[in-house]
Protein backbone atom coordinates (compact mmCIF):
# COMPACT_ATOMS: atom_id res chain seq x y z
CA MET A 1 14.63 -43.76 81.07
CA LYS A 2 13.50 -43.36 84.72
CA GLY A 3 13.35 -40.34 86.79
CA THR A 4 11.29 -38.27 89.20
CA ALA A 5 7.80 -36.92 88.22
CA ILE A 6 6.86 -34.16 90.37
CA LEU A 7 3.16 -33.27 90.54
CA PHE A 8 1.65 -29.89 92.17
CA GLN A 9 -1.82 -29.88 93.60
CA GLU A 10 -3.64 -26.68 95.17
CA GLN A 11 -1.69 -27.36 98.62
CA ASN A 12 0.30 -30.47 97.81
CA VAL A 13 3.53 -31.45 96.00
CA ILE A 14 3.86 -35.21 95.21
CA PHE A 15 7.22 -36.71 94.22
CA ILE A 16 6.77 -40.01 92.25
CA VAL A 17 10.51 -41.37 92.17
CA ASP A 18 12.01 -44.13 89.85
CA VAL A 19 9.33 -44.04 87.34
CA ASP A 20 9.70 -44.71 83.68
CA HIS A 21 9.27 -41.14 81.75
CA SER A 22 6.16 -42.86 79.80
CA ILE A 23 4.42 -42.48 83.25
CA TYR A 24 5.28 -38.78 83.22
CA GLU A 25 4.00 -38.28 79.88
CA GLU A 26 0.99 -39.84 80.82
CA ILE A 27 0.25 -37.83 83.89
CA LYS A 28 1.27 -34.93 81.90
CA GLU A 29 -1.77 -35.10 79.21
CA GLN A 30 -3.96 -35.21 82.07
CA CYS A 31 -3.30 -31.96 83.55
CA GLY A 32 -6.16 -29.63 84.66
CA CYS A 33 -8.42 -32.89 84.74
CA GLU A 34 -10.38 -33.60 87.67
CA HIS A 35 -9.10 -37.22 87.86
CA CYS A 36 -5.53 -37.69 87.00
CA THR A 37 -4.88 -41.31 87.12
CA CYS A 38 -2.21 -43.87 86.10
CA MET A 39 -0.76 -47.21 86.69
CA LEU A 40 2.12 -47.54 89.58
CA GLU A 41 3.10 -50.90 90.65
CA SER A 42 0.03 -52.78 88.98
CA LYS A 43 -2.26 -50.41 90.80
CA LYS A 44 -4.30 -47.66 89.14
CA VAL A 45 -3.53 -44.50 91.22
CA ASN A 46 -6.11 -41.51 91.40
CA PHE A 47 -3.76 -38.38 91.92
CA GLY A 48 -6.93 -36.00 91.61
CA SER A 49 -6.23 -32.50 89.86
CA VAL A 50 -2.72 -31.56 89.18
CA SER A 51 -1.01 -28.77 87.41
CA PRO A 52 1.86 -28.28 86.50
CA VAL A 53 3.77 -31.70 86.32
CA PHE A 54 7.51 -31.51 86.15
CA TRP A 55 10.20 -34.08 85.19
CA HIS A 56 13.76 -34.52 86.82
CA GLU A 57 15.73 -37.05 84.70
CA ASP A 58 18.35 -37.91 87.70
CA GLU A 59 17.96 -39.05 90.89
CA VAL A 60 16.92 -36.73 93.59
CA ASP A 61 19.74 -35.94 96.29
CA TRP A 62 16.83 -35.49 99.24
CA ASP A 63 19.73 -34.59 101.58
CA TYR A 64 20.50 -31.53 99.04
CA GLY A 65 17.24 -30.87 97.94
CA TYR A 66 17.54 -31.74 94.34
């Protein structure tokens, strides 16, 4: 199942669209760590410290806001 992972940092919000739920679970397990990492498009990405993390199963309607 694909969806959107929403990551919150101290002053930023990161949206990762069209990712598998397993990626979200991998990031969720690392909440609170200094270096939250995962593989996206065959590249290791370091998001730094994130907390909390949310999942939105359907596509996000960016014109409407969710």
